[in-house]
PDB file of all heavy atoms in Angstrom:
ATOM      1  N   GLY A   1      -3.451   4.491  24.373  1.00  0.00           N
ATOM      2  CA  GLY A   1      -2.221   3.768  24.139  1.00  0.00           C
ATOM      3  C   GLY A   1      -1.129   4.310  25.037  1.00  0.00           C
ATOM      4  O   GLY A   1      -1.350   5.189  25.869  1.00  0.00           O
ATOM      5  N   GLY A   2       0.063   3.804  24.873  1.00  0.00           N
ATOM      6  CA  GLY A   2       1.153   4.233  25.740  1.00  0.00           C
ATOM      7  C   GLY A   2       1.298   3.318  26.941  1.00  0.00           C
ATOM      8  O   GLY A   2       0.471   2.434  27.179  1.00  0.00           O
ATOM      9  N   LYS A   3       2.332   3.550  27.727  1.00  0.00           N
ATOM     10  CA  LYS A   3       2.673   2.670  28.836  1.00  0.00           C
ATOM     11  C   LYS A   3       2.218   3.250  30.168  1.00  0.00           C
ATOM     12  O   LYS A   3       2.170   4.455  30.353  1.00  0.00           O
ATOM     13  CB  LYS A   3       4.184   2.433  28.868  1.00  0.00           C
ATOM     14  CG  LYS A   3       4.730   1.790  27.597  1.00  0.00           C
ATOM     15  CD  LYS A   3       6.233   1.615  27.667  1.00  0.00           C
ATOM     16  CE  LYS A   3       6.767   0.972  26.398  1.00  0.00           C
ATOM     17  NZ  LYS A   3       8.239   0.775  26.429  1.00  0.00           N
ATOM     18  N   GLY A   4       1.882   2.342  31.096  1.00  0.00           N
ATOM     19  CA  GLY A   4       1.634   2.748  32.473  1.00  0.00           C
ATOM     20  C   GLY A   4       0.212   3.130  32.807  1.00  0.00           C
ATOM     21  O   GLY A   4      -0.099   3.429  33.958  1.00  0.00           O
ATOM     22  N   TYR A   5      -0.685   3.132  31.819  1.00  0.00           N
ATOM     23  CA  TYR A   5      -2.075   3.492  32.110  1.00  0.00           C
ATOM     24  C   TYR A   5      -2.774   2.310  32.779  1.00  0.00           C
ATOM     25  O   TYR A   5      -2.606   1.161  32.379  1.00  0.00           O
ATOM     26  CB  TYR A   5      -2.810   3.883  30.828  1.00  0.00           C
ATOM     27  CG  TYR A   5      -2.304   5.153  30.205  1.00  0.00           C
ATOM     28  CD1 TYR A   5      -1.484   5.119  29.080  1.00  0.00           C
ATOM     29  CD2 TYR A   5      -2.620   6.402  30.745  1.00  0.00           C
ATOM     30  CE1 TYR A   5      -1.006   6.283  28.505  1.00  0.00           C
ATOM     31  CE2 TYR A   5      -2.143   7.570  30.174  1.00  0.00           C
ATOM     32  CZ  TYR A   5      -1.342   7.506  29.054  1.00  0.00           C
ATOM     33  OH  TYR A   5      -0.873   8.657  28.497  1.00  0.00           O
ATOM     34  N   PHE A   6      -3.582   2.624  33.787  1.00  0.00           N
ATOM     35  CA  PHE A   6      -4.256   1.546  34.527  1.00  0.00           C
ATOM     36  C   PHE A   6      -5.560   2.077  35.094  1.00  0.00           C
ATOM     37  O   PHE A   6      -5.649   3.233  35.501  1.00  0.00           O
ATOM     38  CB  PHE A   6      -3.361   1.040  35.669  1.00  0.00           C
ATOM     39  CG  PHE A   6      -3.935  -0.142  36.401  1.00  0.00           C
ATOM     40  CD1 PHE A   6      -3.920  -1.402  35.823  1.00  0.00           C
ATOM     41  CD2 PHE A   6      -4.498   0.003  37.656  1.00  0.00           C
ATOM     42  CE1 PHE A   6      -4.459  -2.495  36.490  1.00  0.00           C
ATOM     43  CE2 PHE A   6      -5.025  -1.076  38.324  1.00  0.00           C
ATOM     44  CZ  PHE A   6      -5.001  -2.331  37.742  1.00  0.00           C
ATOM     45  N   ASN A   7      -6.562   1.233  35.093  1.00  0.00           N
ATOM     46  CA  ASN A   7      -7.868   1.591  35.652  1.00  0.00           C
ATOM     47  C   ASN A   7      -8.327   0.455  36.556  1.00  0.00           C
ATOM     48  O   ASN A   7      -8.515  -0.681  36.098  1.00  0.00           O
ATOM     49  CB  ASN A   7      -8.870   1.820  34.512  1.00  0.00           C
ATOM     50  CG  ASN A   7     -10.191   2.384  35.000  1.00  0.00           C
ATOM     51  OD1 ASN A   7     -10.749   1.909  35.984  1.00  0.00           O
ATOM     52  ND2 ASN A   7     -10.693   3.390  34.311  1.00  0.00           N
ATOM     53  N   TYR A   8      -8.501   0.758  37.841  1.00  0.00           N
ATOM     54  CA  TYR A   8      -8.843  -0.284  38.810  1.00  0.00           C
ATOM     55  C   TYR A   8     -10.220  -0.906  38.560  1.00  0.00           C
ATOM     56  O   TYR A   8     -10.505  -1.998  39.042  1.00  0.00           O
ATOM     57  CB  TYR A   8      -8.808   0.292  40.232  1.00  0.00           C
ATOM     58  CG  TYR A   8      -7.430   0.647  40.713  1.00  0.00           C
ATOM     59  CD1 TYR A   8      -7.033   1.979  40.834  1.00  0.00           C
ATOM     60  CD2 TYR A   8      -6.522  -0.334  41.066  1.00  0.00           C
ATOM     61  CE1 TYR A   8      -5.764   2.314  41.282  1.00  0.00           C
ATOM     62  CE2 TYR A   8      -5.250  -0.016  41.519  1.00  0.00           C
ATOM     63  CZ  TYR A   8      -4.878   1.317  41.624  1.00  0.00           C
ATOM     64  OH  TYR A   8      -3.619   1.636  42.065  1.00  0.00           O
ATOM     65  N   SER A   9     -11.079  -0.225  37.817  1.00  0.00           N
ATOM     66  CA  SER A   9     -12.430  -0.738  37.609  1.00  0.00           C
ATOM     67  C   SER A   9     -12.515  -1.783  36.506  1.00  0.00           C
ATOM     68  O   SER A   9     -13.537  -2.453  36.367  1.00  0.00           O
ATOM     69  CB  SER A   9     -13.386   0.414  37.279  1.00  0.00           C
ATOM     70  OG  SER A   9     -13.135   0.927  35.975  1.00  0.00           O
ATOM     71  N   HIS A  10     -11.470  -1.934  35.713  1.00  0.00           N
ATOM     72  CA  HIS A  10     -11.552  -2.817  34.548  1.00  0.00           C
ATOM     73  C   HIS A  10     -11.786  -4.281  34.922  1.00  0.00           C
ATOM     74  O   HIS A  10     -12.520  -4.998  34.237  1.00  0.00           O
ATOM     75  CB  HIS A  10     -10.285  -2.703  33.710  1.00  0.00           C
ATOM     76  CG  HIS A  10     -10.222  -1.444  32.895  1.00  0.00           C
ATOM     77  ND1 HIS A  10      -9.152  -1.125  32.091  1.00  0.00           N
ATOM     78  CD2 HIS A  10     -11.103  -0.422  32.757  1.00  0.00           C
ATOM     79  CE1 HIS A  10      -9.373   0.026  31.488  1.00  0.00           C
ATOM     80  NE2 HIS A  10     -10.542   0.482  31.890  1.00  0.00           N
ATOM     81  N   ALA A  11     -11.153  -4.741  35.990  1.00  0.00           N
ATOM     82  CA  ALA A  11     -11.270  -6.160  36.351  1.00  0.00           C
ATOM     83  C   ALA A  11     -12.716  -6.533  36.671  1.00  0.00           C
ATOM     84  O   ALA A  11     -13.220  -7.568  36.227  1.00  0.00           O
ATOM     85  CB  ALA A  11     -10.358  -6.482  37.528  1.00  0.00           C
ATOM     86  N   GLY A  12     -13.396  -5.684  37.449  1.00  0.00           N
ATOM     87  CA  GLY A  12     -14.785  -5.978  37.801  1.00  0.00           C
ATOM     88  C   GLY A  12     -15.706  -5.963  36.593  1.00  0.00           C
ATOM     89  O   GLY A  12     -16.628  -6.774  36.480  1.00  0.00           O
ATOM     90  N   LYS A  13     -15.459  -5.027  35.684  1.00  0.00           N
ATOM     91  CA  LYS A  13     -16.275  -4.968  34.467  1.00  0.00           C
ATOM     92  C   LYS A  13     -16.052  -6.205  33.602  1.00  0.00           C
ATOM     93  O   LYS A  13     -16.990  -6.772  33.041  1.00  0.00           O
ATOM     94  CB  LYS A  13     -15.950  -3.697  33.692  1.00  0.00           C
ATOM     95  CG  LYS A  13     -16.354  -2.417  34.411  1.00  0.00           C
ATOM     96  CD  LYS A  13     -15.951  -1.173  33.632  1.00  0.00           C
ATOM     97  CE  LYS A  13     -16.351   0.091  34.381  1.00  0.00           C
ATOM     98  NZ  LYS A  13     -15.976   1.320  33.643  1.00  0.00           N
ATOM     99  N   GLN A  14     -14.783  -6.628  33.510  1.00  0.00           N
ATOM    100  CA  GLN A  14     -14.504  -7.820  32.704  1.00  0.00           C
ATOM    101  C   GLN A  14     -15.138  -9.058  33.312  1.00  0.00           C
ATOM    102  O   GLN A  14     -15.626  -9.938  32.583  1.00  0.00           O
ATOM    103  CB  GLN A  14     -12.994  -8.009  32.551  1.00  0.00           C
ATOM    104  CG  GLN A  14     -12.618  -9.182  31.654  1.00  0.00           C
ATOM    105  CD  GLN A  14     -11.204  -9.067  31.143  1.00  0.00           C
ATOM    106  OE1 GLN A  14     -10.929  -8.284  30.249  1.00  0.00           O
ATOM    107  NE2 GLN A  14     -10.293  -9.845  31.713  1.00  0.00           N
ATOM    108  N   MET A  15     -15.152  -9.148  34.648  1.00  0.00           N
ATOM    109  CA  MET A  15     -15.790 -10.294  35.291  1.00  0.00           C
ATOM    110  C   MET A  15     -17.262 -10.380  34.892  1.00  0.00           C
ATOM    111  O   MET A  15     -17.786 -11.465  34.647  1.00  0.00           O
ATOM    112  CB  MET A  15     -15.660 -10.191  36.817  1.00  0.00           C
ATOM    113  CG  MET A  15     -16.206 -11.398  37.568  1.00  0.00           C
ATOM    114  SD  MET A  15     -15.831 -11.372  39.342  1.00  0.00           S
ATOM    115  CE  MET A  15     -16.781  -9.955  39.894  1.00  0.00           C
ATOM    116  N   ALA A  16     -17.929  -9.225  34.781  1.00  0.00           N
ATOM    117  CA  ALA A  16     -19.328  -9.211  34.350  1.00  0.00           C
ATOM    118  C   ALA A  16     -19.474  -9.618  32.896  1.00  0.00           C
ATOM    119  O   ALA A  16     -20.404 -10.338  32.522  1.00  0.00           O
ATOM    120  CB  ALA A  16     -19.924  -7.821  34.574  1.00  0.00           C
ATOM    121  N   LEU A  17     -18.542  -9.190  32.055  1.00  0.00           N
ATOM    122  CA  LEU A  17     -18.670  -9.413  30.618  1.00  0.00           C
ATOM    123  C   LEU A  17     -18.340 -10.840  30.199  1.00  0.00           C
ATOM    124  O   LEU A  17     -18.791 -11.302  29.142  1.00  0.00           O
ATOM    125  CB  LEU A  17     -17.783  -8.425  29.867  1.00  0.00           C
ATOM    126  CG  LEU A  17     -18.333  -6.994  29.814  1.00  0.00           C
ATOM    127  CD1 LEU A  17     -17.237  -5.994  29.477  1.00  0.00           C
ATOM    128  CD2 LEU A  17     -19.475  -6.891  28.822  1.00  0.00           C
ATOM    129  N   THR A  18     -17.563 -11.571  30.998  1.00  0.00           N
ATOM    130  CA  THR A  18     -17.263 -12.958  30.638  1.00  0.00           C
ATOM    131  C   THR A  18     -18.526 -13.807  30.574  1.00  0.00           C
ATOM    132  O   THR A  18     -18.563 -14.818  29.869  1.00  0.00           O
ATOM    133  CB  THR A  18     -16.280 -13.602  31.637  1.00  0.00           C
ATOM    134  OG1 THR A  18     -16.838 -13.566  32.954  1.00  0.00           O
ATOM    135  CG2 THR A  18     -14.933 -12.879  31.631  1.00  0.00           C
ATOM    136  N   ALA A  19     -19.564 -13.387  31.286  1.00  0.00           N
ATOM    137  CA  ALA A  19     -20.814 -14.157  31.283  1.00  0.00           C
ATOM    138  C   ALA A  19     -21.500 -14.141  29.926  1.00  0.00           C
ATOM    139  O   ALA A  19     -22.360 -14.987  29.649  1.00  0.00           O
ATOM    140  CB  ALA A  19     -21.761 -13.607  32.343  1.00  0.00           C
ATOM    141  N   PHE A  20     -21.142 -13.202  29.053  1.00  0.00           N
ATOM    142  CA  PHE A  20     -21.780 -13.074  27.745  1.00  0.00           C
ATOM    143  C   PHE A  20     -21.065 -13.893  26.673  1.00  0.00           C
ATOM    144  O   PHE A  20     -21.439 -13.836  25.495  1.00  0.00           O
ATOM    145  CB  PHE A  20     -21.807 -11.602  27.310  1.00  0.00           C
ATOM    146  CG  PHE A  20     -22.710 -10.732  28.130  1.00  0.00           C
ATOM    147  CD1 PHE A  20     -22.252 -10.155  29.312  1.00  0.00           C
ATOM    148  CD2 PHE A  20     -24.006 -10.470  27.730  1.00  0.00           C
ATOM    149  CE1 PHE A  20     -23.070  -9.334  30.074  1.00  0.00           C
ATOM    150  CE2 PHE A  20     -24.836  -9.650  28.478  1.00  0.00           C
ATOM    151  CZ  PHE A  20     -24.378  -9.093  29.653  1.00  0.00           C
ATOM    152  N   ALA A  21     -20.032 -14.646  27.039  1.00  0.00           N
ATOM    153  CA  ALA A  21     -19.244 -15.385  26.051  1.00  0.00           C
ATOM    154  C   ALA A  21     -20.058 -16.504  25.420  1.00  0.00           C
ATOM    155  O   ALA A  21     -20.897 -17.146  26.066  1.00  0.00           O
ATOM    156  CB  ALA A  21     -17.993 -15.952  26.709  1.00  0.00           C
ATOM    157  N   SER A  22     -19.787 -16.757  24.153  1.00  0.00           N
ATOM    158  CA  SER A  22     -20.350 -17.919  23.473  1.00  0.00           C
ATOM    159  C   SER A  22     -19.391 -19.097  23.640  1.00  0.00           C
ATOM    160  O   SER A  22     -18.288 -18.943  24.161  1.00  0.00           O
ATOM    161  CB  SER A  22     -20.555 -17.620  21.983  1.00  0.00           C
ATOM    162  OG  SER A  22     -19.294 -17.526  21.318  1.00  0.00           O
ATOM    163  N   ASP A  23     -19.806 -20.270  23.190  1.00  0.00           N
ATOM    164  CA  ASP A  23     -18.957 -21.453  23.334  1.00  0.00           C
ATOM    165  C   ASP A  23     -18.215 -21.805  22.049  1.00  0.00           C
ATOM    166  O   ASP A  23     -17.760 -22.924  21.857  1.00  0.00           O
ATOM    167  CB  ASP A  23     -19.780 -22.654  23.804  1.00  0.00           C
ATOM    168  CG  ASP A  23     -20.914 -22.995  22.842  1.00  0.00           C
ATOM    169  OD1 ASP A  23     -21.050 -22.313  21.806  1.00  0.00           O
ATOM    170  OD2 ASP A  23     -21.664 -23.955  23.136  1.00  0.00           O
ATOM    171  N   ARG A  24     -18.074 -20.841  21.138  1.00  0.00           N
ATOM    172  CA  ARG A  24     -17.362 -21.101  19.885  1.00  0.00           C
ATOM    173  C   ARG A  24     -15.884 -21.342  20.143  1.00  0.00           C
ATOM    174  O   ARG A  24     -15.322 -20.935  21.169  1.00  0.00           O
ATOM    175  CB  ARG A  24     -17.528 -19.913  18.935  1.00  0.00           C
ATOM    176  CG  ARG A  24     -16.782 -18.653  19.366  1.00  0.00           C
ATOM    177  CD  ARG A  24     -16.816 -17.563  18.311  1.00  0.00           C
ATOM    178  NE  ARG A  24     -16.170 -16.333  18.769  1.00  0.00           N
ATOM    179  CZ  ARG A  24     -14.874 -16.079  18.639  1.00  0.00           C
ATOM    180  NH1 ARG A  24     -14.072 -16.975  18.094  1.00  0.00           N
ATOM    181  NH2 ARG A  24     -14.369 -14.930  19.075  1.00  0.00           N
ATOM    182  N   ASN A  25     -15.214 -21.983  19.193  1.00  0.00           N
ATOM    183  CA  ASN A  25     -13.765 -22.119  19.242  1.00  0.00           C
ATOM    184  C   ASN A  25     -13.130 -20.790  18.826  1.00  0.00           C
ATOM    185  O   ASN A  25     -13.534 -20.194  17.824  1.00  0.00           O
ATOM    186  CB  ASN A  25     -13.298 -23.227  18.308  1.00  0.00           C
ATOM    187  CG  ASN A  25     -13.751 -24.595  18.766  1.00  0.00           C
ATOM    188  OD1 ASN A  25     -13.804 -24.873  19.963  1.00  0.00           O
ATOM    189  ND2 ASN A  25     -14.085 -25.466  17.816  1.00  0.00           N
ATOM    190  N   ILE A  26     -12.161 -20.333  19.581  1.00  0.00           N
ATOM    191  CA  ILE A  26     -11.517 -19.071  19.237  1.00  0.00           C
ATOM    192  C   ILE A  26     -10.467 -19.312  18.150  1.00  0.00           C
ATOM    193  O   ILE A  26      -9.966 -20.432  17.977  1.00  0.00           O
ATOM    194  CB  ILE A  26     -10.890 -18.389  20.470  1.00  0.00           C
ATOM    195  CG1 ILE A  26      -9.779 -19.250  21.090  1.00  0.00           C
ATOM    196  CG2 ILE A  26     -11.961 -18.061  21.491  1.00  0.00           C
ATOM    197  CD1 ILE A  26      -9.037 -18.540  22.214  1.00  0.00           C
ATOM    198  N   SER A  27     -10.122 -18.233  17.449  1.00  0.00           N
ATOM    199  CA  SER A  27      -9.189 -18.338  16.341  1.00  0.00           C
ATOM    200  C   SER A  27      -7.751 -18.415  16.841  1.00  0.00           C
ATOM    201  O   SER A  27      -7.456 -18.153  18.014  1.00  0.00           O
ATOM    202  CB  SER A  27      -9.340 -17.122  15.424  1.00  0.00           C
ATOM    203  OG  SER A  27      -8.856 -15.954  16.076  1.00  0.00           O
ATOM    204  N   LYS A  28      -6.849 -18.736  15.916  1.00  0.00           N
ATOM    205  CA  LYS A  28      -5.424 -18.781  16.242  1.00  0.00           C
ATOM    206  C   LYS A  28      -4.937 -17.427  16.729  1.00  0.00           C
ATOM    207  O   LYS A  28      -4.180 -17.333  17.709  1.00  0.00           O
ATOM    208  CB  LYS A  28      -4.640 -19.217  15.009  1.00  0.00           C
ATOM    209  CG  LYS A  28      -3.131 -19.255  15.225  1.00  0.00           C
ATOM    210  CD  LYS A  28      -2.402 -19.647  13.940  1.00  0.00           C
ATOM    211  CE  LYS A  28      -0.887 -19.610  14.136  1.00  0.00           C
ATOM    212  NZ  LYS A  28      -0.163 -19.956  12.877  1.00  0.00           N
ATOM    213  N   GLU A  29      -5.366 -16.343  16.071  1.00  0.00           N
ATOM    214  CA  GLU A  29      -4.941 -15.002  16.463  1.00  0.00           C
ATOM    215  C   GLU A  29      -5.469 -14.630  17.848  1.00  0.00           C
ATOM    216  O   GLU A  29      -4.791 -13.947  18.624  1.00  0.00           O
ATOM    217  CB  GLU A  29      -5.405 -13.983  15.428  1.00  0.00           C
ATOM    218  CG  GLU A  29      -4.724 -14.097  14.066  1.00  0.00           C
ATOM    219  CD  GLU A  29      -5.244 -15.259  13.235  1.00  0.00           C
ATOM    220  OE1 GLU A  29      -6.326 -15.817  13.583  1.00  0.00           O
ATOM    221  OE2 GLU A  29      -4.587 -15.622  12.251  1.00  0.00           O
ATOM    222  N   GLU A  30      -6.686 -15.057  18.148  1.00  0.00           N
ATOM    223  CA  GLU A  30      -7.246 -14.787  19.480  1.00  0.00           C
ATOM    224  C   GLU A  30      -6.468 -15.538  20.553  1.00  0.00           C
ATOM    225  O   GLU A  30      -6.160 -14.989  21.622  1.00  0.00           O
ATOM    226  CB  GLU A  30      -8.722 -15.174  19.499  1.00  0.00           C
ATOM    227  CG  GLU A  30      -9.594 -14.250  18.671  1.00  0.00           C
ATOM    228  CD  GLU A  30     -10.993 -14.800  18.482  1.00  0.00           C
ATOM    229  OE1 GLU A  30     -11.168 -16.030  18.374  1.00  0.00           O
ATOM    230  OE2 GLU A  30     -11.928 -13.987  18.447  1.00  0.00           O
ATOM    231  N   GLN A  31      -6.119 -16.794  20.290  1.00  0.00           N
ATOM    232  CA  GLN A  31      -5.331 -17.556  21.254  1.00  0.00           C
ATOM    233  C   GLN A  31      -3.952 -16.949  21.426  1.00  0.00           C
ATOM    234  O   GLN A  31      -3.418 -16.893  22.547  1.00  0.00           O
ATOM    235  CB  GLN A  31      -5.202 -19.006  20.799  1.00  0.00           C
ATOM    236  CG  GLN A  31      -4.478 -19.905  21.804  1.00  0.00           C
ATOM    237  CD  GLN A  31      -5.192 -19.978  23.146  1.00  0.00           C
ATOM    238  OE1 GLN A  31      -6.376 -20.306  23.210  1.00  0.00           O
ATOM    239  NE2 GLN A  31      -4.484 -19.671  24.225  1.00  0.00           N
ATOM    240  N   GLU A  32      -3.390 -16.440  20.342  1.00  0.00           N
ATOM    241  CA  GLU A  32      -2.076 -15.798  20.437  1.00  0.00           C
ATOM    242  C   GLU A  32      -2.142 -14.528  21.286  1.00  0.00           C
ATOM    243  O   GLU A  32      -1.157 -14.164  21.940  1.00  0.00           O
ATOM    244  CB  GLU A  32      -1.557 -15.475  19.036  1.00  0.00           C
ATOM    245  CG  GLU A  32      -1.089 -16.711  18.267  1.00  0.00           C
ATOM    246  CD  GLU A  32      -0.704 -16.400  16.822  1.00  0.00           C
ATOM    247  OE1 GLU A  32      -0.983 -15.264  16.372  1.00  0.00           O
ATOM    248  OE2 GLU A  32      -0.145 -17.287  16.160  1.00  0.00           O
ATOM    249  N   THR A  33      -3.293 -13.859  21.287  1.00  0.00           N
ATOM    250  CA  THR A  33      -3.469 -12.687  22.151  1.00  0.00           C
ATOM    251  C   THR A  33      -3.325 -13.072  23.616  1.00  0.00           C
ATOM    252  O   THR A  33      -2.592 -12.424  24.386  1.00  0.00           O
ATOM    253  CB  THR A  33      -4.846 -12.053  21.910  1.00  0.00           C
ATOM    254  OG1 THR A  33      -4.928 -11.609  20.558  1.00  0.00           O
ATOM    255  CG2 THR A  33      -5.079 -10.872  22.848  1.00  0.00           C
ATOM    256  N   ILE A  34      -4.009 -14.132  24.006  1.00  0.00           N
ATOM    257  CA  ILE A  34      -3.908 -14.610  25.388  1.00  0.00           C
ATOM    258  C   ILE A  34      -2.476 -15.031  25.702  1.00  0.00           C
ATOM    259  O   ILE A  34      -1.902 -14.636  26.736  1.00  0.00           O
ATOM    260  CB  ILE A  34      -4.879 -15.786  25.626  1.00  0.00           C
ATOM    261  CG1 ILE A  34      -6.329 -15.322  25.475  1.00  0.00           C
ATOM    262  CG2 ILE A  34      -4.649 -16.400  27.005  1.00  0.00           C
ATOM    263  CD1 ILE A  34      -7.337 -16.446  25.537  1.00  0.00           C
ATOM    264  N   ASN A  35      -1.901 -15.814  24.820  1.00  0.00           N
ATOM    265  CA  ASN A  35      -0.541 -16.317  25.059  1.00  0.00           C
ATOM    266  C   ASN A  35       0.456 -15.175  25.197  1.00  0.00           C
ATOM    267  O   ASN A  35       1.352 -15.223  26.059  1.00  0.00           O
ATOM    268  CB  ASN A  35      -0.119 -17.241  23.910  1.00  0.00           C
ATOM    269  CG  ASN A  35      -0.959 -18.497  23.819  1.00  0.00           C
ATOM    270  OD1 ASN A  35      -1.674 -18.845  24.755  1.00  0.00           O
ATOM    271  ND2 ASN A  35      -0.886 -19.178  22.686  1.00  0.00           N
ATOM    272  N   PHE A  36       0.308 -14.158  24.374  1.00  0.00           N
ATOM    273  CA  PHE A  36       1.243 -13.039  24.395  1.00  0.00           C
ATOM    274  C   PHE A  36       1.153 -12.283  25.718  1.00  0.00           C
ATOM    275  O   PHE A  36       2.172 -11.933  26.327  1.00  0.00           O
ATOM    276  CB  PHE A  36       0.956 -12.099  23.220  1.00  0.00           C
ATOM    277  CG  PHE A  36       1.960 -10.986  23.065  1.00  0.00           C
ATOM    278  CD1 PHE A  36       3.160 -11.209  22.405  1.00  0.00           C
ATOM    279  CD2 PHE A  36       1.716  -9.719  23.588  1.00  0.00           C
ATOM    280  CE1 PHE A  36       4.099 -10.183  22.257  1.00  0.00           C
ATOM    281  CE2 PHE A  36       2.641  -8.691  23.453  1.00  0.00           C
ATOM    282  CZ  PHE A  36       3.837  -8.930  22.781  1.00  0.00           C
ATOM    283  N   ILE A  37      -0.069 -12.019  26.179  1.00  0.00           N
ATOM    284  CA  ILE A  37      -0.238 -11.296  27.440  1.00  0.00           C
ATOM    285  C   ILE A  37       0.316 -12.109  28.605  1.00  0.00           C
ATOM    286  O   ILE A  37       1.070 -11.597  29.444  1.00  0.00           O
ATOM    287  CB  ILE A  37      -1.722 -10.949  27.680  1.00  0.00           C
ATOM    288  CG1 ILE A  37      -2.209  -9.946  26.628  1.00  0.00           C
ATOM    289  CG2 ILE A  37      -1.923 -10.378  29.088  1.00  0.00           C
ATOM    290  CD1 ILE A  37      -3.710  -9.714  26.660  1.00  0.00           C
ATOM    291  N   LEU A  38      -0.010 -13.387  28.662  1.00  0.00           N
ATOM    292  CA  LEU A  38       0.413 -14.202  29.796  1.00  0.00           C
ATOM    293  C   LEU A  38       1.910 -14.481  29.773  1.00  0.00           C
ATOM    294  O   LEU A  38       2.500 -14.774  30.822  1.00  0.00           O
ATOM    295  CB  LEU A  38      -0.365 -15.525  29.823  1.00  0.00           C
ATOM    296  CG  LEU A  38      -1.879 -15.411  29.997  1.00  0.00           C
ATOM    297  CD1 LEU A  38      -2.496 -16.780  30.273  1.00  0.00           C
ATOM    298  CD2 LEU A  38      -2.247 -14.445  31.118  1.00  0.00           C
ATOM    299  N   ALA A  39       2.528 -14.367  28.605  1.00  0.00           N
ATOM    300  CA  ALA A  39       3.966 -14.621  28.509  1.00  0.00           C
ATOM    301  C   ALA A  39       4.814 -13.450  28.981  1.00  0.00           C
ATOM    302  O   ALA A  39       6.030 -13.593  29.135  1.00  0.00           O
ATOM    303  CB  ALA A  39       4.338 -14.964  27.065  1.00  0.00           C
ATOM    304  N   GLN A  40       4.195 -12.297  29.218  1.00  0.00           N
ATOM    305  CA  GLN A  40       4.958 -11.136  29.672  1.00  0.00           C
ATOM    306  C   GLN A  40       5.518 -11.416  31.063  1.00  0.00           C
ATOM    307  O   GLN A  40       4.764 -11.606  32.012  1.00  0.00           O
ATOM    308  CB  GLN A  40       4.073  -9.891  29.697  1.00  0.00           C
ATOM    309  CG  GLN A  40       3.488  -9.512  28.347  1.00  0.00           C
ATOM    310  CD  GLN A  40       4.556  -9.264  27.310  1.00  0.00           C
ATOM    311  OE1 GLN A  40       5.467  -8.466  27.516  1.00  0.00           O
ATOM    312  NE2 GLN A  40       4.459  -9.964  26.180  1.00  0.00           N
TER     313      GLN A  40
END
C-alpha cells in the first residue's frame, strides 16, 4: 500500500492474465473499480 510504488513488469503479466477471463457479466462493484481508476 502507500503512494508511488510501481513495477514495470505488471503490465506484461496482466496482458497474459486477461486471456483467462470468463465471459460472465461483472458486478456493479467491479465496474465501479474500473470507473474509479480511469476517472483519476
